[in-house]
Every structure is written in C-alpha cells, then in structure tokens.
Full PDB file with SEQRES, HELIX, SHEET, SSBOND, CRYST1, ORIGX, SCALE, CONECT and MASTER records, all heavy atoms in Angstrom:
SEQRES   1 A   33  ALA LYS PRO GLY ALA VAL PHE LEU GLY VAL THR HIS ARG          
SEQRES   2 A   33  LEU ASP ARG PRO THR SER GLY VAL VAL LEU PHE ALA ARG          
SEQRES   3 A   33  THR SER LYS ALA LEU ALA ARG                                  
HELIX    1 AA1 SER A   28  ALA A   32  1                                   5    
SHEET    1 AA1 2 GLY A   9  VAL A  10  0                                        
SHEET    2 AA1 2 PHE A  24  ALA A  25 -1                                        
CRYST1    1.000    1.000    1.000  90.00  90.00  90.00 P 1           1          
ORIGX1      1.000000  0.000000  0.000000        0.00000                         
ORIGX2      0.000000  1.000000  0.000000        0.00000                         
ORIGX3      0.000000  0.000000  1.000000        0.00000                         
SCALE1      1.000000  0.000000  0.000000        0.00000                         
SCALE2      0.000000  1.000000  0.000000        0.00000                         
SCALE3      0.000000  0.000000  1.000000        0.00000                         
ATOM      1  N   ALA A   1       5.762 -23.319  14.556  1.00  0.00           N  
ATOM      2  CA  ALA A   1       5.663 -24.715  14.120  1.00  0.00           C  
ATOM      3  C   ALA A   1       4.289 -25.021  13.545  1.00  0.00           C  
ATOM      4  O   ALA A   1       3.628 -26.005  13.908  1.00  0.00           O  
ATOM      5  CB  ALA A   1       5.975 -25.657  15.285  1.00  0.00           C  
ATOM      6  N   LYS A   2       3.841 -24.154  12.637  1.00  0.00           N  
ATOM      7  CA  LYS A   2       2.501 -24.304  12.066  1.00  0.00           C  
ATOM      8  C   LYS A   2       2.496 -25.341  10.947  1.00  0.00           C  
ATOM      9  O   LYS A   2       3.295 -25.249  10.011  1.00  0.00           O  
ATOM     10  CB  LYS A   2       1.993 -22.961  11.526  1.00  0.00           C  
ATOM     11  CG  LYS A   2       1.548 -21.995  12.611  1.00  0.00           C  
ATOM     12  CD  LYS A   2       0.940 -20.761  11.989  1.00  0.00           C  
ATOM     13  CE  LYS A   2       0.255 -19.910  13.040  1.00  0.00           C  
ATOM     14  NZ  LYS A   2      -0.958 -20.526  13.573  1.00  0.00           N  
ATOM     15  N   PRO A   3       1.592 -26.315  11.014  1.00  0.00           N  
ATOM     16  CA  PRO A   3       1.466 -27.265   9.911  1.00  0.00           C  
ATOM     17  C   PRO A   3       0.665 -26.652   8.755  1.00  0.00           C  
ATOM     18  O   PRO A   3      -0.165 -25.773   8.971  1.00  0.00           O  
ATOM     19  CB  PRO A   3       0.691 -28.418  10.556  1.00  0.00           C  
ATOM     20  CG  PRO A   3      -0.147 -27.751  11.602  1.00  0.00           C  
ATOM     21  CD  PRO A   3       0.666 -26.613  12.130  1.00  0.00           C  
ATOM     22  N   GLY A   4       0.936 -27.067   7.560  1.00  0.00           N  
ATOM     23  CA  GLY A   4       0.171 -26.574   6.414  1.00  0.00           C  
ATOM     24  C   GLY A   4       0.481 -25.133   6.060  1.00  0.00           C  
ATOM     25  O   GLY A   4       1.487 -24.556   6.482  1.00  0.00           O  
ATOM     26  N   ALA A   5      -0.423 -24.558   5.277  1.00  0.00           N  
ATOM     27  CA  ALA A   5      -0.219 -23.199   4.782  1.00  0.00           C  
ATOM     28  C   ALA A   5      -0.443 -22.166   5.885  1.00  0.00           C  
ATOM     29  O   ALA A   5      -1.280 -22.351   6.766  1.00  0.00           O  
ATOM     30  CB  ALA A   5      -1.164 -22.930   3.615  1.00  0.00           C  
ATOM     31  N   VAL A   6       0.303 -21.083   5.819  1.00  0.00           N  
ATOM     32  CA  VAL A   6       0.179 -19.983   6.772  1.00  0.00           C  
ATOM     33  C   VAL A   6      -0.622 -18.861   6.124  1.00  0.00           C  
ATOM     34  O   VAL A   6      -0.329 -18.446   5.003  1.00  0.00           O  
ATOM     35  CB  VAL A   6       1.567 -19.458   7.188  1.00  0.00           C  
ATOM     36  CG1 VAL A   6       1.438 -18.192   8.031  1.00  0.00           C  
ATOM     37  CG2 VAL A   6       2.340 -20.531   7.949  1.00  0.00           C  
ATOM     38  N   PHE A   7      -1.636 -18.355   6.833  1.00  0.00           N  
ATOM     39  CA  PHE A   7      -2.412 -17.219   6.320  1.00  0.00           C  
ATOM     40  C   PHE A   7      -1.667 -15.921   6.604  1.00  0.00           C  
ATOM     41  O   PHE A   7      -1.194 -15.693   7.718  1.00  0.00           O  
ATOM     42  CB  PHE A   7      -3.789 -17.159   6.984  1.00  0.00           C  
ATOM     43  CG  PHE A   7      -4.607 -15.969   6.542  1.00  0.00           C  
ATOM     44  CD1 PHE A   7      -5.416 -16.057   5.419  1.00  0.00           C  
ATOM     45  CD2 PHE A   7      -4.547 -14.755   7.227  1.00  0.00           C  
ATOM     46  CE1 PHE A   7      -6.163 -14.951   4.988  1.00  0.00           C  
ATOM     47  CE2 PHE A   7      -5.280 -13.658   6.802  1.00  0.00           C  
ATOM     48  CZ  PHE A   7      -6.094 -13.757   5.684  1.00  0.00           C  
ATOM     49  N   LEU A   8      -1.562 -15.071   5.589  1.00  0.00           N  
ATOM     50  CA  LEU A   8      -0.990 -13.741   5.764  1.00  0.00           C  
ATOM     51  C   LEU A   8      -1.643 -12.807   4.757  1.00  0.00           C  
ATOM     52  O   LEU A   8      -1.593 -13.047   3.549  1.00  0.00           O  
ATOM     53  CB  LEU A   8       0.529 -13.750   5.553  1.00  0.00           C  
ATOM     54  CG  LEU A   8       1.224 -12.457   5.974  1.00  0.00           C  
ATOM     55  CD1 LEU A   8       1.323 -12.375   7.497  1.00  0.00           C  
ATOM     56  CD2 LEU A   8       2.623 -12.359   5.367  1.00  0.00           C  
ATOM     57  N   GLY A   9      -2.264 -11.760   5.247  1.00  0.00           N  
ATOM     58  CA  GLY A   9      -2.943 -10.809   4.374  1.00  0.00           C  
ATOM     59  C   GLY A   9      -2.146  -9.535   4.205  1.00  0.00           C  
ATOM     60  O   GLY A   9      -1.645  -8.959   5.180  1.00  0.00           O  
ATOM     61  N   VAL A  10      -1.991  -9.083   2.968  1.00  0.00           N  
ATOM     62  CA  VAL A  10      -1.292  -7.829   2.674  1.00  0.00           C  
ATOM     63  C   VAL A  10      -2.295  -6.687   2.805  1.00  0.00           C  
ATOM     64  O   VAL A  10      -3.297  -6.646   2.098  1.00  0.00           O  
ATOM     65  CB  VAL A  10      -0.693  -7.854   1.259  1.00  0.00           C  
ATOM     66  CG1 VAL A  10      -0.029  -6.516   0.934  1.00  0.00           C  
ATOM     67  CG2 VAL A  10       0.319  -8.991   1.123  1.00  0.00           C  
ATOM     68  N   THR A  11      -2.023  -5.765   3.715  1.00  0.00           N  
ATOM     69  CA  THR A  11      -2.958  -4.661   3.964  1.00  0.00           C  
ATOM     70  C   THR A  11      -2.584  -3.386   3.214  1.00  0.00           C  
ATOM     71  O   THR A  11      -3.439  -2.555   2.932  1.00  0.00           O  
ATOM     72  CB  THR A  11      -3.026  -4.346   5.468  1.00  0.00           C  
ATOM     73  OG1 THR A  11      -1.741  -3.892   5.921  1.00  0.00           O  
ATOM     74  CG2 THR A  11      -3.418  -5.590   6.262  1.00  0.00           C  
ATOM     75  N   HIS A  12      -1.300  -3.193   2.920  1.00  0.00           N  
ATOM     76  CA  HIS A  12      -0.843  -2.022   2.179  1.00  0.00           C  
ATOM     77  C   HIS A  12       0.524  -2.344   1.597  1.00  0.00           C  
ATOM     78  O   HIS A  12       1.111  -3.384   1.891  1.00  0.00           O  
ATOM     79  CB  HIS A  12      -0.771  -0.776   3.076  1.00  0.00           C  
ATOM     80  CG  HIS A  12       0.297  -0.846   4.127  1.00  0.00           C  
ATOM     81  ND1 HIS A  12       1.360   0.027   4.195  1.00  0.00           N  
ATOM     82  CD2 HIS A  12       0.479  -1.708   5.165  1.00  0.00           C  
ATOM     83  CE1 HIS A  12       2.132  -0.277   5.215  1.00  0.00           C  
ATOM     84  NE2 HIS A  12       1.632  -1.330   5.827  1.00  0.00           N  
ATOM     85  N   ARG A  13       1.050  -1.463   0.766  1.00  0.00           N  
ATOM     86  CA  ARG A  13       2.313  -1.717   0.083  1.00  0.00           C  
ATOM     87  C   ARG A  13       3.224  -0.506   0.161  1.00  0.00           C  
ATOM     88  O   ARG A  13       2.757   0.619   0.341  1.00  0.00           O  
ATOM     89  CB  ARG A  13       2.054  -2.068  -1.389  1.00  0.00           C  
ATOM     90  CG  ARG A  13       1.238  -3.343  -1.573  1.00  0.00           C  
ATOM     91  CD  ARG A  13       0.690  -3.455  -2.997  1.00  0.00           C  
ATOM     92  NE  ARG A  13      -0.148  -4.626  -3.150  1.00  0.00           N  
ATOM     93  CZ  ARG A  13      -1.417  -4.705  -2.759  1.00  0.00           C  
ATOM     94  NH1 ARG A  13      -2.003  -3.654  -2.178  1.00  0.00           N  
ATOM     95  NH2 ARG A  13      -2.125  -5.805  -2.938  1.00  0.00           N  
ATOM     96  N   LEU A  14       4.496  -0.763   0.000  1.00  0.00           N  
ATOM     97  CA  LEU A  14       5.486   0.298  -0.173  1.00  0.00           C  
ATOM     98  C   LEU A  14       6.192   0.057  -1.502  1.00  0.00           C  
ATOM     99  O   LEU A  14       6.422  -1.093  -1.883  1.00  0.00           O  
ATOM    100  CB  LEU A  14       6.527   0.279   0.949  1.00  0.00           C  
ATOM    101  CG  LEU A  14       6.091   0.648   2.369  1.00  0.00           C  
ATOM    102  CD1 LEU A  14       7.283   0.548   3.312  1.00  0.00           C  
ATOM    103  CD2 LEU A  14       5.481   2.033   2.430  1.00  0.00           C  
ATOM    104  N   ASP A  15       6.564   1.134  -2.185  1.00  0.00           N  
ATOM    105  CA  ASP A  15       7.356   0.985  -3.406  1.00  0.00           C  
ATOM    106  C   ASP A  15       8.635   0.221  -3.081  1.00  0.00           C  
ATOM    107  O   ASP A  15       9.182   0.351  -1.985  1.00  0.00           O  
ATOM    108  CB  ASP A  15       7.736   2.353  -3.973  1.00  0.00           C  
ATOM    109  CG  ASP A  15       6.530   3.151  -4.435  1.00  0.00           C  
ATOM    110  OD1 ASP A  15       5.479   2.540  -4.689  1.00  0.00           O  
ATOM    111  OD2 ASP A  15       6.659   4.393  -4.520  1.00  0.00           O  
ATOM    112  N   ARG A  16       9.119  -0.543  -4.036  1.00  0.00           N  
ATOM    113  CA  ARG A  16      10.317  -1.351  -3.785  1.00  0.00           C  
ATOM    114  C   ARG A  16      11.493  -0.539  -3.253  1.00  0.00           C  
ATOM    115  O   ARG A  16      12.166  -0.968  -2.307  1.00  0.00           O  
ATOM    116  CB  ARG A  16      10.714  -2.111  -5.052  1.00  0.00           C  
ATOM    117  CG  ARG A  16      11.928  -3.020  -4.826  1.00  0.00           C  
ATOM    118  CD  ARG A  16      12.093  -4.048  -5.905  1.00  0.00           C  
ATOM    119  NE  ARG A  16      13.039  -5.089  -5.471  1.00  0.00           N  
ATOM    120  CZ  ARG A  16      13.192  -6.256  -6.073  1.00  0.00           C  
ATOM    121  NH1 ARG A  16      12.462  -6.564  -7.124  1.00  0.00           N  
ATOM    122  NH2 ARG A  16      14.065  -7.139  -5.621  1.00  0.00           N  
ATOM    123  N   PRO A  17      11.819   0.630  -3.809  1.00  0.00           N  
ATOM    124  CA  PRO A  17      13.000   1.349  -3.309  1.00  0.00           C  
ATOM    125  C   PRO A  17      12.794   2.056  -1.978  1.00  0.00           C  
ATOM    126  O   PRO A  17      13.726   2.673  -1.461  1.00  0.00           O  
ATOM    127  CB  PRO A  17      13.286   2.357  -4.428  1.00  0.00           C  
ATOM    128  CG  PRO A  17      11.978   2.571  -5.091  1.00  0.00           C  
ATOM    129  CD  PRO A  17      11.270   1.264  -5.023  1.00  0.00           C  
ATOM    130  N   THR A  18      11.581   1.969  -1.420  1.00  0.00           N  
ATOM    131  CA  THR A  18      11.263   2.612  -0.150  1.00  0.00           C  
ATOM    132  C   THR A  18      11.438   1.627   1.000  1.00  0.00           C  
ATOM    133  O   THR A  18      11.118   0.447   0.873  1.00  0.00           O  
ATOM    134  CB  THR A  18       9.813   3.130  -0.165  1.00  0.00           C  
ATOM    135  OG1 THR A  18       9.647   4.025  -1.263  1.00  0.00           O  
ATOM    136  CG2 THR A  18       9.467   3.854   1.120  1.00  0.00           C  
ATOM    137  N   SER A  19      11.939   2.099   2.120  1.00  0.00           N  
ATOM    138  CA  SER A  19      12.100   1.261   3.312  1.00  0.00           C  
ATOM    139  C   SER A  19      11.042   1.622   4.349  1.00  0.00           C  
ATOM    140  O   SER A  19      10.309   2.597   4.206  1.00  0.00           O  
ATOM    141  CB  SER A  19      13.505   1.442   3.897  1.00  0.00           C  
ATOM    142  OG  SER A  19      13.719   2.796   4.260  1.00  0.00           O  
ATOM    143  N   GLY A  20      10.988   0.811   5.417  1.00  0.00           N  
ATOM    144  CA  GLY A  20      10.131   1.182   6.536  1.00  0.00           C  
ATOM    145  C   GLY A  20       9.079   0.166   6.909  1.00  0.00           C  
ATOM    146  O   GLY A  20       9.074  -0.975   6.431  1.00  0.00           O  
ATOM    147  N   VAL A  21       8.177   0.591   7.784  1.00  0.00           N  
ATOM    148  CA  VAL A  21       7.209  -0.308   8.398  1.00  0.00           C  
ATOM    149  C   VAL A  21       6.138  -0.768   7.415  1.00  0.00           C  
ATOM    150  O   VAL A  21       5.554   0.038   6.690  1.00  0.00           O  
ATOM    151  CB  VAL A  21       6.568   0.338   9.651  1.00  0.00           C  
ATOM    152  CG1 VAL A  21       5.865   1.646   9.322  1.00  0.00           C  
ATOM    153  CG2 VAL A  21       5.612  -0.621  10.319  1.00  0.00           C  
ATOM    154  N   VAL A  22       5.937  -2.085   7.378  1.00  0.00           N  
ATOM    155  CA  VAL A  22       4.872  -2.694   6.586  1.00  0.00           C  
ATOM    156  C   VAL A  22       4.034  -3.560   7.521  1.00  0.00           C  
ATOM    157  O   VAL A  22       4.575  -4.357   8.286  1.00  0.00           O  
ATOM    158  CB  VAL A  22       5.424  -3.556   5.433  1.00  0.00           C  
ATOM    159  CG1 VAL A  22       4.282  -4.190   4.641  1.00  0.00           C  
ATOM    160  CG2 VAL A  22       6.304  -2.729   4.507  1.00  0.00           C  
ATOM    161  N   LEU A  23       2.730  -3.408   7.430  1.00  0.00           N  
ATOM    162  CA  LEU A  23       1.806  -4.115   8.314  1.00  0.00           C  
ATOM    163  C   LEU A  23       1.099  -5.232   7.559  1.00  0.00           C  
ATOM    164  O   LEU A  23       0.573  -5.019   6.463  1.00  0.00           O  
ATOM    165  CB  LEU A  23       0.775  -3.120   8.859  1.00  0.00           C  
ATOM    166  CG  LEU A  23      -0.267  -3.646   9.841  1.00  0.00           C  
ATOM    167  CD1 LEU A  23       0.388  -4.080  11.147  1.00  0.00           C  
ATOM    168  CD2 LEU A  23      -1.309  -2.553  10.112  1.00  0.00           C  
ATOM    169  N   PHE A  24       1.087  -6.422   8.151  1.00  0.00           N  
ATOM    170  CA  PHE A  24       0.380  -7.573   7.581  1.00  0.00           C  
ATOM    171  C   PHE A  24      -0.663  -8.072   8.579  1.00  0.00           C  
ATOM    172  O   PHE A  24      -0.525  -7.879   9.797  1.00  0.00           O  
ATOM    173  CB  PHE A  24       1.349  -8.720   7.297  1.00  0.00           C  
ATOM    174  CG  PHE A  24       2.384  -8.433   6.242  1.00  0.00           C  
ATOM    175  CD1 PHE A  24       3.661  -8.020   6.603  1.00  0.00           C  
ATOM    176  CD2 PHE A  24       2.086  -8.585   4.900  1.00  0.00           C  
ATOM    177  CE1 PHE A  24       4.628  -7.764   5.649  1.00  0.00           C  
ATOM    178  CE2 PHE A  24       3.051  -8.326   3.926  1.00  0.00           C  
ATOM    179  CZ  PHE A  24       4.317  -7.918   4.301  1.00  0.00           C  
ATOM    180  N   ALA A  25      -1.686  -8.744   8.052  1.00  0.00           N  
ATOM    181  CA  ALA A  25      -2.717  -9.359   8.896  1.00  0.00           C  
ATOM    182  C   ALA A  25      -2.464 -10.860   8.991  1.00  0.00           C  
ATOM    183  O   ALA A  25      -2.191 -11.520   7.987  1.00  0.00           O  
ATOM    184  CB  ALA A  25      -4.101  -9.103   8.310  1.00  0.00           C  
ATOM    185  N   ARG A  26      -2.578 -11.390  10.204  1.00  0.00           N  
ATOM    186  CA  ARG A  26      -2.374 -12.821  10.419  1.00  0.00           C  
ATOM    187  C   ARG A  26      -3.684 -13.599  10.449  1.00  0.00           C  
ATOM    188  O   ARG A  26      -3.652 -14.839  10.465  1.00  0.00           O  
ATOM    189  CB  ARG A  26      -1.601 -13.042  11.719  1.00  0.00           C  
ATOM    190  CG  ARG A  26      -0.151 -12.572  11.682  1.00  0.00           C  
ATOM    191  CD  ARG A  26       0.605 -13.016  12.915  1.00  0.00           C  
ATOM    192  NE  ARG A  26       0.528 -14.471  13.077  1.00  0.00           N  
ATOM    193  CZ  ARG A  26       0.853 -15.116  14.191  1.00  0.00           C  
ATOM    194  NH1 ARG A  26       1.242 -14.431  15.259  1.00  0.00           N  
ATOM    195  NH2 ARG A  26       0.763 -16.429  14.265  1.00  0.00           N  
ATOM    196  N   THR A  27      -4.811 -12.897  10.487  1.00  0.00           N  
ATOM    197  CA  THR A  27      -6.115 -13.559  10.478  1.00  0.00           C  
ATOM    198  C   THR A  27      -7.026 -12.868   9.475  1.00  0.00           C  
ATOM    199  O   THR A  27      -6.830 -11.691   9.150  1.00  0.00           O  
ATOM    200  CB  THR A  27      -6.782 -13.512  11.864  1.00  0.00           C  
ATOM    201  OG1 THR A  27      -7.025 -12.133  12.225  1.00  0.00           O  
ATOM    202  CG2 THR A  27      -5.909 -14.181  12.921  1.00  0.00           C  
ATOM    203  N   SER A  28      -8.016 -13.570   8.991  1.00  0.00           N  
ATOM    204  CA  SER A  28      -8.956 -12.996   8.026  1.00  0.00           C  
ATOM    205  C   SER A  28      -9.772 -11.871   8.661  1.00  0.00           C  
ATOM    206  O   SER A  28     -10.119 -10.893   7.993  1.00  0.00           O  
ATOM    207  CB  SER A  28      -9.881 -14.086   7.476  1.00  0.00           C  
ATOM    208  OG  SER A  28     -10.577 -14.741   8.521  1.00  0.00           O  
ATOM    209  N   LYS A  29     -10.087 -12.010   9.952  1.00  0.00           N  
ATOM    210  CA  LYS A  29     -10.828 -10.955  10.651  1.00  0.00           C  
ATOM    211  C   LYS A  29     -10.025  -9.656  10.665  1.00  0.00           C  
ATOM    212  O   LYS A  29     -10.544  -8.579  10.356  1.00  0.00           O  
ATOM    213  CB  LYS A  29     -11.138 -11.384  12.086  1.00  0.00           C  
ATOM    214  CG  LYS A  29     -11.855 -10.309  12.908  1.00  0.00           C  
ATOM    215  CD  LYS A  29     -11.911 -10.672  14.389  1.00  0.00           C  
ATOM    216  CE  LYS A  29     -12.841 -11.832  14.638  1.00  0.00           C  
ATOM    217  NZ  LYS A  29     -13.049 -12.050  16.111  1.00  0.00           N  
ATOM    218  N   ALA A  30      -8.745  -9.758  11.009  1.00  0.00           N  
ATOM    219  CA  ALA A  30      -7.892  -8.572  11.039  1.00  0.00           C  
ATOM    220  C   ALA A  30      -7.724  -7.977   9.647  1.00  0.00           C  
ATOM    221  O   ALA A  30      -7.722  -6.750   9.475  1.00  0.00           O  
ATOM    222  CB  ALA A  30      -6.531  -8.922  11.629  1.00  0.00           C  
ATOM    223  N   LEU A  31      -7.591  -8.833   8.644  1.00  0.00           N  
ATOM    224  CA  LEU A  31      -7.409  -8.351   7.275  1.00  0.00           C  
ATOM    225  C   LEU A  31      -8.615  -7.539   6.816  1.00  0.00           C  
ATOM    226  O   LEU A  31      -8.465  -6.442   6.260  1.00  0.00           O  
ATOM    227  CB  LEU A  31      -7.176  -9.521   6.325  1.00  0.00           C  
ATOM    228  CG  LEU A  31      -7.032  -9.161   4.842  1.00  0.00           C  
ATOM    229  CD1 LEU A  31      -5.845  -8.237   4.620  1.00  0.00           C  
ATOM    230  CD2 LEU A  31      -6.897 -10.423   3.992  1.00  0.00           C  
ATOM    231  N   ALA A  32      -9.816  -8.057   7.031  1.00  0.00           N  
ATOM    232  CA  ALA A  32     -11.026  -7.360   6.592  1.00  0.00           C  
ATOM    233  C   ALA A  32     -11.145  -6.003   7.276  1.00  0.00           C  
ATOM    234  O   ALA A  32     -11.460  -4.988   6.642  1.00  0.00           O  
ATOM    235  CB  ALA A  32     -12.252  -8.222   6.880  1.00  0.00           C  
ATOM    236  N   ARG A  33     -10.880  -5.971   8.576  1.00  0.00           N  
ATOM    237  CA  ARG A  33     -11.015  -4.721   9.319  1.00  0.00           C  
ATOM    238  C   ARG A  33      -9.923  -3.725   8.956  1.00  0.00           C  
ATOM    239  O   ARG A  33     -10.184  -2.522   8.833  1.00  0.00           O  
ATOM    240  CB  ARG A  33     -11.012  -5.006  10.816  1.00  0.00           C  
ATOM    241  CG  ARG A  33     -12.265  -5.753  11.278  1.00  0.00           C  
ATOM    242  CD  ARG A  33     -12.257  -6.047  12.767  1.00  0.00           C  
ATOM    243  NE  ARG A  33     -13.470  -6.761  13.163  1.00  0.00           N  
ATOM    244  CZ  ARG A  33     -13.709  -7.209  14.400  1.00  0.00           C  
ATOM    245  NH1 ARG A  33     -12.816  -7.013  15.356  1.00  0.00           N  
ATOM    246  NH2 ARG A  33     -14.832  -7.839  14.680  1.00  0.00           N  
TER     247      ARG A  33                                                      
MASTER        0    0    0    1    2    0    0    6  246    1    0    3          
END                                                                             
C-alpha cells in the first residue's frame, strides 16, 4: 500500500526469449552495491 512512486532498480537483464531468475533492487543503497 505504498503511496506515490515505487523505487525499483534493474540490476541485470535476461534476453526476452530466456526465462528464469531476475534480481531487482528495492532501495538505492542495494542498487548501487
């Protein structure tokens, strides 16, 4: 129930036709590290 915009940082990518685990950062500290 977060008001306003939600922060989400993309840390890596997978090709579209590829499946599997994708990791995102929920805070700027986690994203930088």
